[in-house]
C-alpha cells in the first residue's frame, strides 16, 4: 500500500506532466495509485518511484495529453447538453407560459405604437437591458466561484453561454436587418422577428443562470477540496 504522502506526491507528478485541472488530477491519481499498488504487490522489490515510472511509461510518448484532451471533449459535450436541456425547459410546461407571456407582451406593446420609430426605441431598450442583465449575471457568477481555489475542467464551461447578447448586435448590424434603422422600411414583421430573438436571448440568460447554479452545487459536492472545504 502506498502512503498518504506518496499519494499526495502523485498530484505534483501530474502537474509536472502538464495536467493542471484538479478534477483530472484526481482521476489520474486514483488510477496511478491503484496501478502502482498492483505492481508493487506483484514485485515487492520495486520502489514507489520505479513503479510510478513503469506505470507512466504505459501511457506512451504523449503521456497524459490524450487523456486530458478526451476529458475536455467529454466535459464540453456534457455541459452543452445540460445547457440545452435547461434552455428548452423554458419551452415546456410550466415555464413555457412565462416565455409566451413575455413574447406576447412585447408584441402587444409593439401593436400599440403607431410609428415604427417607437418600436425601434423599445427593441433597443430591451436589447440594452438584456446586455446589462448578462453582464450582471457574469459578475455574480464570478463572485460565486471566488471560493474555488483549484482549477477545474468541470467548471470551465461556466464562462460560455448559449446565446450571447452580442448576437442581438450582430443581427441589428447584419444586412438582412439593416433596414431596422430605416424607419420607412421597418415593418411589424421585422419587429416580431427581432422580438423573438430578444426572447431567445432572455431565455438563454435564464438557462445559463440555472446551469451555473447546478454546476456550482455539483462541483462543490464532487470536489469540495477545490473550494477549500
Protein backbone atom coordinates (compact mmCIF):
# COMPACT_ATOMS: atom_id res chain seq x y z
CA UNK A 1 0.00 0.00 0.00
CA UNK A 2 1.29 3.46 -0.84
CA UNK A 3 1.41 6.04 1.94
CA UNK A 4 -0.66 9.22 2.17
CA UNK A 5 2.49 11.22 1.41
CA UNK A 6 3.14 9.19 -1.74
CA UNK A 7 -0.49 9.56 -2.75
CA UNK A 8 -0.23 13.34 -2.44
CA UNK A 9 3.04 13.34 -4.38
CA UNK A 10 1.16 11.93 -7.34
CA UNK A 11 -0.71 15.23 -7.66
CA UNK A 12 2.61 17.00 -8.06
CA UNK A 13 3.63 14.38 -10.59
CA UNK A 14 0.51 15.12 -12.65
CA UNK A 15 1.14 18.87 -12.51
CA UNK A 16 4.72 18.38 -13.68
CA UNK A 17 3.34 16.47 -16.64
CA UNK A 18 1.04 19.31 -17.66
CA UNK A 19 -2.21 18.26 -16.05
CA UNK A 20 -3.42 21.49 -14.45
CA UNK A 21 -7.06 20.58 -13.85
CA UNK A 22 -7.65 19.31 -10.33
CA UNK A 23 -10.60 17.07 -11.28
CA UNK A 24 -8.50 15.36 -13.98
CA UNK A 25 -5.66 15.03 -11.49
CA UNK A 26 -7.98 13.25 -9.04
CA UNK A 27 -8.95 10.69 -11.67
CA UNK A 28 -5.35 10.15 -12.76
CA UNK A 29 -4.04 9.89 -9.20
CA UNK A 30 -6.65 7.24 -8.36
CA UNK A 31 -5.65 5.30 -11.47
CA UNK A 32 -1.91 5.69 -10.84
CA UNK A 33 -2.12 4.71 -7.18
CA UNK A 34 -4.13 1.56 -7.96
CA UNK A 35 -1.72 0.57 -10.75
CA UNK A 36 1.34 1.28 -8.58
CA UNK A 37 -0.02 -0.79 -5.70
CA UNK A 38 -0.69 -3.67 -8.10
CA UNK A 39 2.86 -3.56 -9.50
CA UNK A 40 4.44 -3.31 -6.05
CA UNK A 41 2.28 -6.19 -4.86
CA UNK A 42 3.39 -8.37 -7.78
CA UNK A 43 7.01 -7.31 -7.35
CA UNK A 44 7.84 -6.32 -3.74
CA UNK A 45 11.36 -5.30 -4.80
CA UNK A 46 10.01 -2.37 -6.80
CA UNK A 47 10.21 1.03 -5.13
CA UNK A 48 7.36 3.52 -5.36
CA UNK A 49 9.32 5.66 -7.85
CA UNK A 50 10.16 2.68 -10.07
CA UNK A 51 6.58 1.51 -10.08
CA UNK A 52 5.40 5.03 -10.91
CA UNK A 53 7.78 5.34 -13.86
CA UNK A 54 6.71 1.93 -15.14
CA UNK A 55 3.03 2.85 -14.92
CA UNK A 56 3.59 6.25 -16.55
CA UNK A 57 5.52 4.60 -19.40
CA UNK A 58 2.35 2.71 -20.20
CA UNK A 59 0.70 5.98 -21.26
CA UNK A 60 3.02 6.23 -24.23
CA UNK A 61 5.04 9.09 -25.65
CA UNK A 62 2.19 11.58 -25.29
CA UNK A 63 1.85 10.93 -21.58
CA UNK A 64 -1.39 12.31 -20.14
CA UNK A 65 -2.18 14.64 -23.07
CA UNK A 66 -4.63 12.26 -24.78
CA UNK A 67 -6.49 11.67 -21.53
CA UNK A 68 -6.79 15.41 -20.89
CA UNK A 69 -7.98 16.05 -24.45
CA UNK A 70 -10.57 13.27 -24.24
CA UNK A 71 -11.76 14.54 -20.88
CA UNK A 72 -12.10 18.09 -22.25
CA UNK A 73 -14.28 16.90 -25.11
CA UNK A 74 -16.43 14.83 -22.77
CA UNK A 75 -16.96 17.68 -20.30
CA UNK A 76 -17.74 20.12 -23.13
CA UNK A 77 -20.31 17.71 -24.59
CA UNK A 78 -21.93 17.07 -21.22
CA UNK A 79 -22.13 20.77 -20.37
CA UNK A 80 -23.58 21.75 -23.73
CA UNK A 81 -26.19 19.00 -23.39
CA UNK A 82 -27.10 20.25 -19.92
CA UNK A 83 -27.32 23.86 -21.11
CA UNK A 84 -29.63 22.98 -23.99
CA UNK A 85 -31.78 20.90 -21.66
CA UNK A 86 -32.22 23.89 -19.36
CA UNK A 87 -32.79 26.20 -22.34
CA UNK A 88 -35.57 24.05 -23.82
CA UNK A 89 -37.14 23.66 -20.39
CA UNK A 90 -38.44 27.23 -20.88
CA UNK A 91 -40.48 25.94 -23.80
CA UNK A 92 -42.15 23.17 -21.83
CA UNK A 93 -44.86 23.30 -19.17
CA UNK A 94 -44.96 25.17 -16.87
CA UNK A 95 -42.13 27.56 -17.86
CA UNK A 96 -43.42 27.94 -21.42
CA UNK A 97 -46.28 30.05 -20.04
CA UNK A 98 -43.77 32.69 -18.90
CA UNK A 99 -41.95 32.59 -22.25
CA UNK A 100 -45.17 33.03 -24.22
CA UNK A 101 -46.40 35.83 -21.95
CA UNK A 102 -43.18 37.77 -22.36
CA UNK A 103 -43.23 37.42 -26.14
CA UNK A 104 -46.93 38.27 -26.33
CA UNK A 105 -46.40 41.34 -24.15
CA UNK A 106 -43.64 42.65 -26.42
CA UNK A 107 -45.80 42.06 -29.49
CA UNK A 108 -48.80 43.74 -27.87
CA UNK A 109 -46.80 46.80 -26.89
CA UNK A 110 -45.45 46.96 -30.44
CA UNK A 111 -49.01 46.91 -31.80
CA UNK A 112 -49.89 49.89 -29.61
CA UNK A 113 -47.20 52.03 -31.22
CA UNK A 114 -48.25 53.84 -34.35
CA UNK A 115 -44.82 54.87 -35.53
CA UNK A 116 -42.03 52.41 -36.31
CA UNK A 117 -39.56 54.68 -34.57
CA UNK A 118 -41.14 53.91 -31.21
CA UNK A 119 -40.82 50.18 -31.85
CA UNK A 120 -37.13 50.58 -32.65
CA UNK A 121 -36.62 52.51 -29.41
CA UNK A 122 -38.43 49.78 -27.47
CA UNK A 123 -36.37 46.99 -29.03
CA UNK A 124 -33.16 48.92 -28.43
CA UNK A 125 -34.13 49.44 -24.79
CA UNK A 126 -34.92 45.73 -24.34
CA UNK A 127 -31.67 44.74 -26.05
CA UNK A 128 -29.66 47.08 -23.84
CA UNK A 129 -31.44 45.74 -20.75
CA UNK A 130 -30.51 42.19 -21.72
CA UNK A 131 -26.88 43.17 -22.20
CA UNK A 132 -26.88 44.72 -18.72
CA UNK A 133 -28.59 41.62 -17.32
CA UNK A 134 -25.96 39.38 -18.90
CA UNK A 135 -23.12 41.50 -17.52
CA UNK A 136 -24.70 41.48 -14.06
CA UNK A 137 -25.10 37.70 -14.28
CA UNK A 138 -21.43 37.31 -15.23
CA UNK A 139 -20.33 39.41 -12.26
CA UNK A 140 -22.44 37.36 -9.85
CA UNK A 141 -21.06 34.16 -11.35
CA UNK A 142 -17.51 35.37 -10.81
CA UNK A 143 -18.24 36.09 -7.16
CA UNK A 144 -19.81 32.67 -6.67
CA UNK A 145 -16.69 30.92 -7.93
CA UNK A 146 -14.28 33.12 -5.97
CA UNK A 147 -14.34 30.32 -3.39
CA UNK A 148 -12.79 27.96 -5.92
CA UNK A 149 -9.10 27.58 -5.07
CA UNK A 150 -8.19 24.91 -7.65
CA UNK A 151 -8.65 24.92 -11.42
CA UNK A 152 -11.40 22.55 -12.51
CA UNK A 153 -12.09 21.44 -16.05
CA UNK A 154 -15.57 20.64 -14.78
CA UNK A 155 -16.41 24.31 -14.14
CA UNK A 156 -14.64 25.81 -17.14
CA UNK A 157 -17.81 25.87 -19.23
CA UNK A 158 -19.43 28.36 -16.86
CA UNK A 159 -17.85 31.15 -18.92
CA UNK A 160 -19.67 30.18 -22.10
CA UNK A 161 -23.35 30.94 -22.57
CA UNK A 162 -25.66 29.60 -25.25
CA UNK A 163 -26.74 32.86 -26.87
CA UNK A 164 -24.72 35.93 -26.03
CA UNK A 165 -26.19 39.44 -26.09
CA UNK A 166 -23.68 40.13 -28.85
CA UNK A 167 -25.99 38.09 -31.09
CA UNK A 168 -28.51 40.93 -30.89
CA UNK A 169 -25.89 43.42 -32.02
CA UNK A 170 -24.84 41.13 -34.87
CA UNK A 171 -28.45 40.78 -36.01
CA UNK A 172 -29.00 44.52 -35.94
CA UNK A 173 -25.84 45.15 -37.93
CA UNK A 174 -26.47 42.36 -40.44
CA UNK A 175 -27.56 43.22 -43.98
CA UNK A 176 -30.79 41.33 -43.56
CA UNK A 177 -31.93 43.55 -40.71
CA UNK A 178 -30.12 46.73 -41.68
CA UNK A 179 -33.46 48.17 -42.67
CA UNK A 180 -34.35 48.16 -38.95
CA UNK A 181 -32.68 51.56 -38.90
CA UNK A 182 -34.60 52.76 -41.94
CA UNK A 183 -37.86 53.90 -40.42
CA UNK A 184 -39.75 53.79 -43.68
CA UNK A 185 -38.92 50.12 -44.22
CA UNK A 186 -39.20 48.74 -40.70
CA UNK A 187 -42.50 46.84 -40.63
CA UNK A 188 -44.26 44.82 -37.96
CA UNK A 189 -42.87 41.53 -39.30
CA UNK A 190 -39.33 42.82 -38.67
CA UNK A 191 -40.45 43.78 -35.19
CA UNK A 192 -41.81 40.29 -34.44
CA UNK A 193 -38.61 38.61 -35.68
CA UNK A 194 -36.28 40.82 -33.66
CA UNK A 195 -38.59 40.46 -30.66
CA UNK A 196 -38.38 36.68 -30.93
CA UNK A 197 -34.57 36.87 -30.98
CA UNK A 198 -34.67 39.03 -27.85
CA UNK A 199 -36.89 36.48 -26.10
CA UNK A 200 -34.46 33.72 -27.04
CA UNK A 201 -31.63 35.79 -25.58
CA UNK A 202 -33.56 36.31 -22.35
CA UNK A 203 -34.32 32.59 -22.06
CA UNK A 204 -30.68 31.82 -22.77
CA UNK A 205 -29.57 34.07 -19.92
CA UNK A 206 -32.04 32.39 -17.54
CA UNK A 207 -30.94 28.93 -18.69
CA UNK A 208 -27.29 29.84 -18.18
CA UNK A 209 -28.12 31.10 -14.68
CA UNK A 210 -29.77 27.75 -13.92
CA UNK A 211 -26.78 25.94 -15.38
CA UNK A 212 -24.33 27.86 -13.19
CA UNK A 213 -26.31 27.01 -10.06
CA UNK A 214 -26.39 23.32 -10.97
CA UNK A 215 -22.72 23.35 -11.90
CA UNK A 216 -21.63 25.06 -8.69
CA UNK A 217 -23.60 22.73 -6.42
CA UNK A 218 -22.43 19.66 -8.33
CA UNK A 219 -18.76 20.78 -8.32
CA UNK A 220 -18.94 21.61 -4.63
CA UNK A 221 -20.27 18.13 -3.87
CA UNK A 222 -17.82 16.28 -6.13
CA UNK A 223 -14.66 18.30 -5.44
CA UNK A 224 -15.02 20.02 -2.03
CA UNK A 225 -11.23 20.38 -1.71
CA UNK A 226 -11.24 22.54 -4.83
CA UNK A 227 -13.31 25.05 -2.88
CA UNK A 228 -11.23 24.85 0.25
CA UNK A 229 -13.86 22.76 2.03
